[in-house]
C-alpha cells in the first residue's frame, strides 16, 4: 500500500489556495511552513493545511490533483468545507492519521 497525498493549503486569511501532491505529506507541509516548499507558497505565506486525501497509487493522487486544480475557487472551497468547515489547520490530525497508518 502506498501513501500518496493530495493537499490544499492556505494562508492565515484563507485568501490564497495552493494544491499539491506528494508522497510525504508531513515533510511537504513542514517545507511550506518553513518557506522551503516553493516560491508560490513562500510569496503568499501559505502555512495552513486545510484539506488532504490519501491514495494508494501515485497516478490516482496526480489525477485528483489535476481535477482539483482545474476546478474553480468555489469548487475548491466546497471540497474543503465538506471535510473542514472551519478551515482549521489539520496538521495535528494528519500526524495522528499517519501514526495510525504505521500501526496497521
Protein backbone atom coordinates (compact mmCIF):
# COMPACT_ATOMS: atom_id res chain seq x y z
CA UNK A 1 0.00 0.00 0.00
CA UNK A 2 1.40 3.37 -1.00
CA UNK A 3 0.96 6.72 0.63
CA UNK A 4 0.36 9.45 -1.89
CA UNK A 5 -1.34 12.61 -0.79
CA UNK A 6 -3.23 15.47 -2.41
CA UNK A 7 -3.38 18.52 -0.22
CA UNK A 8 -4.71 22.05 -0.16
CA UNK A 9 -3.01 24.69 1.93
CA UNK A 10 -3.85 28.33 2.51
CA UNK A 11 -2.60 31.48 4.17
CA UNK A 12 -3.74 32.91 7.51
CA UNK A 13 -6.59 34.90 5.93
CA UNK A 14 -7.71 31.94 3.73
CA UNK A 15 -7.43 34.12 0.63
CA UNK A 16 -4.87 32.09 -1.37
CA UNK A 17 -5.12 28.36 -2.07
CA UNK A 18 -2.30 26.02 -3.02
CA UNK A 19 -2.97 22.48 -4.27
CA UNK A 20 -0.20 19.89 -4.41
CA UNK A 21 0.64 16.19 -4.43
CA UNK A 22 3.37 14.39 -2.51
CA UNK A 23 4.43 11.02 -1.14
CA UNK A 24 5.40 12.50 2.26
CA UNK A 25 2.77 14.99 3.39
CA UNK A 26 4.25 15.81 6.79
CA UNK A 27 7.58 16.70 5.21
CA UNK A 28 5.92 18.71 2.45
CA UNK A 29 3.76 20.71 4.87
CA UNK A 30 6.85 21.40 7.01
CA UNK A 31 8.71 22.63 3.91
CA UNK A 32 5.88 25.02 3.05
CA UNK A 33 5.70 26.29 6.62
CA UNK A 34 9.45 26.96 6.61
CA UNK A 35 9.28 28.65 3.17
CA UNK A 36 11.26 25.82 1.59
CA UNK A 37 8.38 24.33 -0.38
CA UNK A 38 8.00 26.57 -3.39
CA UNK A 39 8.27 30.18 -4.42
CA UNK A 40 4.49 30.48 -4.58
CA UNK A 41 3.90 29.24 -1.04
CA UNK A 42 6.69 31.44 0.31
CA UNK A 43 5.44 34.54 -1.52
CA UNK A 44 1.87 34.15 -0.29
CA UNK A 45 2.80 32.78 3.17
CA UNK A 46 0.95 29.50 2.71
CA UNK A 47 1.18 27.72 6.07
CA UNK A 48 -2.15 26.10 6.94
CA UNK A 49 -3.18 22.61 5.80
CA UNK A 50 -6.95 22.68 5.24
CA UNK A 51 -7.54 19.55 3.13
CA UNK A 52 -5.78 16.29 2.40
CA UNK A 53 -6.63 12.94 0.90
CA UNK A 54 -4.52 9.76 0.78
CA UNK A 55 -4.25 7.46 -2.23
CA UNK A 56 -2.63 4.06 -2.67
CA UNK A 57 -1.40 4.83 -6.18
CA UNK A 58 0.58 7.85 -7.36
CA UNK A 59 -1.40 8.04 -10.58
CA UNK A 60 -4.66 8.38 -8.63
CA UNK A 61 -3.24 11.18 -6.49
CA UNK A 62 -1.94 13.02 -9.56
CA UNK A 63 -5.32 12.64 -11.28
CA UNK A 64 -7.08 14.05 -8.22
CA UNK A 65 -4.62 16.96 -8.01
CA UNK A 66 -5.22 17.84 -11.66
CA UNK A 67 -9.00 17.65 -11.17
CA UNK A 68 -8.83 19.95 -8.13
CA UNK A 69 -6.51 22.43 -9.83
CA UNK A 70 -8.78 22.58 -12.87
CA UNK A 71 -11.77 23.48 -10.70
CA UNK A 72 -12.86 26.94 -9.71
CA UNK A 73 -12.10 28.56 -6.37
CA UNK A 74 -15.70 27.83 -5.40
CA UNK A 75 -15.24 24.11 -6.13
CA UNK A 76 -12.07 24.05 -4.00
CA UNK A 77 -13.91 25.81 -1.17
CA UNK A 78 -16.74 23.26 -1.39
CA UNK A 79 -14.22 20.42 -1.20
CA UNK A 80 -12.54 21.94 1.85
CA UNK A 81 -15.88 22.69 3.51
CA UNK A 82 -17.02 19.09 3.00
CA UNK A 83 -14.38 17.89 5.49
CA UNK A 84 -13.18 21.02 7.30
CA UNK A 85 -15.94 23.60 7.53
CA UNK A 86 -13.99 25.78 9.98
CA UNK A 87 -10.85 25.73 7.82
CA UNK A 88 -8.78 24.76 10.86
CA UNK A 89 -5.16 23.68 10.44
CA UNK A 90 -5.20 19.90 10.01
CA UNK A 91 -1.52 19.28 10.82
CA UNK A 92 -2.27 17.63 14.18
CA UNK A 93 -4.98 15.45 12.65
CA UNK A 94 -2.56 14.45 9.90
CA UNK A 95 0.08 13.39 12.42
CA UNK A 96 -2.47 11.18 14.17
CA UNK A 97 -3.63 9.64 10.87
CA UNK A 98 -0.09 8.85 9.77
CA UNK A 99 0.65 7.22 13.16
CA UNK A 100 -2.47 5.11 12.73
CA UNK A 101 -1.41 4.03 9.24
CA UNK A 102 2.01 2.98 10.50
CA UNK A 103 0.50 0.81 13.24
CA UNK A 104 -1.61 -1.19 10.76
